[in-house]
C-alpha atoms as a PDB file:
ATOM      1  CA  MET A   1       0.056  -0.246  -0.229  1.00  0.00           C
ATOM      2  CA  ALA A   2       1.239   3.363  -1.094  1.00  0.00           C
ATOM      3  CA  GLU A   3      -0.511   5.443   2.446  1.00  0.00           C
ATOM      4  CA  ASN A   4       2.821   6.621   4.371  1.00  0.00           C
ATOM      5  CA  HIS A   5       4.176   8.340   0.858  1.00  0.00           C
ATOM      6  CA  ILE A   6       2.899  11.545  -0.498  1.00  0.00           C
ATOM      7  CA  VAL A   7       3.788  14.472  -2.875  1.00  0.00           C
ATOM      8  CA  THR A   8       4.138  17.653  -2.164  1.00  0.00           C
ATOM      9  CA  LEU A   9       4.064  20.582  -4.263  1.00  0.00           C
ATOM     10  CA  CYS A  10       5.817  23.830  -4.310  1.00  0.00           C
ATOM     11  CA  THR A  11       6.065  26.915  -6.154  1.00  0.00           C
ATOM     12  CA  VAL A  12       9.938  28.658  -5.643  1.00  0.00           C
ATOM     13  CA  PRO A  13      10.717  32.397  -7.678  1.00  0.00           C
ATOM     14  CA  ASP A  14      13.902  30.739  -9.679  1.00  0.00           C
ATOM     15  CA  LYS A  15      16.131  27.751 -10.341  1.00  0.00           C
ATOM     16  CA  LYS A  16      18.926  28.899  -8.161  1.00  0.00           C
ATOM     17  CA  ALA A  17      16.064  28.804  -5.536  1.00  0.00           C
ATOM     18  CA  GLY A  18      13.991  26.019  -6.508  1.00  0.00           C
ATOM     19  CA  GLU A  19      17.533  24.091  -6.743  1.00  0.00           C
ATOM     20  CA  ARG A  20      18.718  24.867  -3.850  1.00  0.00           C
ATOM     21  CA  ILE A  21      15.925  23.104  -1.614  1.00  0.00           C
ATOM     22  CA  ALA A  22      16.019  20.566  -3.164  1.00  0.00           C
ATOM     23  CA  ARG A  23      19.526  19.823  -2.647  1.00  0.00           C
ATOM     24  CA  ALA A  24      18.793  20.375   0.964  1.00  0.00           C
ATOM     25  CA  LEU A  25      15.398  18.220   1.086  1.00  0.00           C
ATOM     26  CA  VAL A  26      17.592  15.282  -0.783  1.00  0.00           C
ATOM     27  CA  GLU A  27      20.602  15.925   0.902  1.00  0.00           C
ATOM     28  CA  GLU A  28      18.747  15.353   4.670  1.00  0.00           C
ATOM     29  CA  ARG A  29      16.664  12.462   3.873  1.00  0.00           C
ATOM     30  CA  LEU A  30      13.861  14.355   4.183  1.00  0.00           C
ATOM     31  CA  ALA A  31      12.820  13.648  -0.033  1.00  0.00           C
ATOM     32  CA  ALA A  32      14.588  10.571  -2.224  1.00  0.00           C
ATOM     33  CA  CYS A  33      13.521  13.161  -5.085  1.00  0.00           C
ATOM     34  CA  VAL A  34      12.816  16.665  -6.294  1.00  0.00           C
ATOM     35  CA  ASN A  35      11.357  17.108  -9.666  1.00  0.00           C
ATOM     36  CA  ILE A  36      11.702  20.937 -10.746  1.00  0.00           C
ATOM     37  CA  VAL A  37       9.268  21.655 -13.529  1.00  0.00           C
ATOM     38  CA  PRO A  38      10.802  25.219 -14.829  1.00  0.00           C
ATOM     39  CA  GLY A  39       8.227  28.096 -17.137  1.00  0.00           C
ATOM     40  CA  VAL A  40       4.993  27.491 -14.594  1.00  0.00           C
ATOM     41  CA  ALA A  41       2.852  31.116 -14.883  1.00  0.00           C
ATOM     42  CA  SER A  42       1.176  31.982 -12.050  1.00  0.00           C
ATOM     43  CA  PHE A  43      -1.589  33.929 -11.220  1.00  0.00           C
ATOM     44  CA  TYR A  44      -2.437  34.377  -7.304  1.00  0.00           C
ATOM     45  CA  ARG A  45      -4.372  37.396  -5.995  1.00  0.00           C
ATOM     46  CA  TRP A  46      -1.849  39.004  -3.019  1.00  0.00           C
ATOM     47  CA  GLU A  47      -2.330  41.770  -0.747  1.00  0.00           C
ATOM     48  CA  GLY A  48      -6.194  42.664  -2.908  1.00  0.00           C
ATOM     49  CA  LYS A  49      -4.611  42.852  -6.040  1.00  0.00           C
ATOM     50  CA  VAL A  50      -4.383  40.061  -9.205  1.00  0.00           C
ATOM     51  CA  GLU A  51      -0.690  39.228  -9.526  1.00  0.00           C
ATOM     52  CA  GLU A  52       1.258  36.685 -12.343  1.00  0.00           C
ATOM     53  CA  ALA A  53       4.285  35.421 -11.633  1.00  0.00           C
ATOM     54  CA  SER A  54       6.705  33.107 -13.521  1.00  0.00           C
ATOM     55  CA  GLU A  55       7.207  30.682 -11.277  1.00  0.00           C
ATOM     56  CA  GLN A  56       8.935  26.753 -11.255  1.00  0.00           C
ATOM     57  CA  LEU A  57       7.091  23.858  -9.305  1.00  0.00           C
ATOM     58  CA  LEU A  58       8.904  21.727  -7.173  1.00  0.00           C
ATOM     59  CA  VAL A  59       7.783  18.120  -7.431  1.00  0.00           C
ATOM     60  CA  ILE A  60       9.036  15.959  -3.591  1.00  0.00           C
ATOM     61  CA  LYS A  61       8.284  12.386  -2.936  1.00  0.00           C
ATOM     62  CA  THR A  62       8.450  11.967   0.201  1.00  0.00           C
ATOM     63  CA  ALA A  63       6.591   9.789   3.843  1.00  0.00           C
ATOM     64  CA  ALA A  64       3.805  11.423   4.998  1.00  0.00           C
ATOM     65  CA  GLU A  65       5.165  11.657   8.418  1.00  0.00           C
ATOM     66  CA  ARG A  66       8.374  13.929   7.352  1.00  0.00           C
ATOM     67  CA  PHE A  67       6.175  16.515   6.026  1.00  0.00           C
ATOM     68  CA  GLU A  68       6.057  18.709   9.021  1.00  0.00           C
ATOM     69  CA  ALA A  69      10.486  18.315   8.965  1.00  0.00           C
ATOM     70  CA  VAL A  70       9.914  18.788   4.541  1.00  0.00           C
ATOM     71  CA  LYS A  71       7.031  21.396   5.438  1.00  0.00           C
ATOM     72  CA  ALA A  72      10.116  23.836   7.900  1.00  0.00           C
ATOM     73  CA  ARG A  73      13.010  22.842   6.193  1.00  0.00           C
ATOM     74  CA  ILE A  74      11.246  24.635   2.913  1.00  0.00           C
ATOM     75  CA  LYS A  75       9.758  27.599   5.439  1.00  0.00           C
ATOM     76  CA  ALA A  76      13.399  28.249   6.384  1.00  0.00           C
ATOM     77  CA  LEU A  77      15.002  27.912   2.970  1.00  0.00           C
ATOM     78  CA  HIS A  78      11.803  29.876   0.979  1.00  0.00           C
ATOM     79  CA  PRO A  79      12.356  33.415  -0.017  1.00  0.00           C
ATOM     80  CA  TYR A  80       8.425  33.735   0.036  1.00  0.00           C
ATOM     81  CA  ASP A  81       6.768  35.439   2.863  1.00  0.00           C
ATOM     82  CA  VAL A  82       3.591  32.262   2.187  1.00  0.00           C
ATOM     83  CA  PRO A  83       5.619  29.604   0.177  1.00  0.00           C
ATOM     84  CA  GLU A  84       3.250  26.579  -1.642  1.00  0.00           C
ATOM     85  CA  ILE A  85       3.632  24.320   0.532  1.00  0.00           C
ATOM     86  CA  ILE A  86       0.653  21.975  -0.207  1.00  0.00           C
ATOM     87  CA  ALA A  87       1.082  17.163   0.013  1.00  0.00           C
ATOM     88  CA  ILE A  88      -0.820  15.498  -2.345  1.00  0.00           C
ATOM     89  CA  PRO A  89      -1.506  11.353  -0.898  1.00  0.00           C
ATOM     90  CA  ILE A  90      -0.292   8.744  -2.948  1.00  0.00           C
ATOM     91  CA  THR A  91      -2.914   6.141  -3.620  1.00  0.00           C
ATOM     92  CA  ALA A  92      -0.683   4.017  -5.243  1.00  0.00           C
ATOM     93  CA  GLY A  93       2.918   3.312  -7.306  1.00  0.00           C
ATOM     94  CA  ASN A  94       4.847   1.166  -8.287  1.00  0.00           C
ATOM     95  CA  ARG A  95       5.695  -0.586  -5.233  1.00  0.00           C
ATOM     96  CA  GLU A  96       9.562  -1.049  -6.573  1.00  0.00           C
ATOM     97  CA  TYR A  97       9.413   3.160  -5.870  1.00  0.00           C
ATOM     98  CA  LEU A  98       7.584   3.464  -3.508  1.00  0.00           C
ATOM     99  CA  ASP A  99       9.906   1.332  -1.519  1.00  0.00           C
ATOM    100  CA  TRP A 100      13.716   3.115  -2.936  1.00  0.00           C
ATOM    101  CA  ILE A 101      11.622   6.329  -1.684  1.00  0.00           C
ATOM    102  CA  THR A 102      11.306   4.646   2.102  1.00  0.00           C
ATOM    103  CA  ASP A 103      14.721   3.408   1.723  1.00  0.00           C
ATOM    104  CA  SER A 104      16.066   7.288   0.520  1.00  0.00           C
ATOM    105  CA  ILE A 105      15.136   8.533   3.761  1.00  0.00           C
ATOM    106  CA  LYS A 106      16.007   6.786   5.878  1.00  0.00           C
ATOM    107  CA  SER A 107      18.407   8.158   8.427  1.00  0.00           C
END
């Protein structure tokens, strides 16, 4: 079963911020893998105005019990006042890949 695994999504303003967060999460075994997806067009309301920004999306694979630590680490490294940090449960997947996630984040 895959209920222990999650994908966490986080947008960042640029490649440098994304790489800094991705490297820290993987090196610290908080995530097994972080994909950086460039060219994300974001539209959102901020301080009463509709804004538009070019961002990059981090796709973070980890275990549910690591979410709070992942969130704290992202917040410590992220340049935004209110970074997007949301988790989505993985409900099914390739068993070998899910086992690899588990093994990759073991201390």
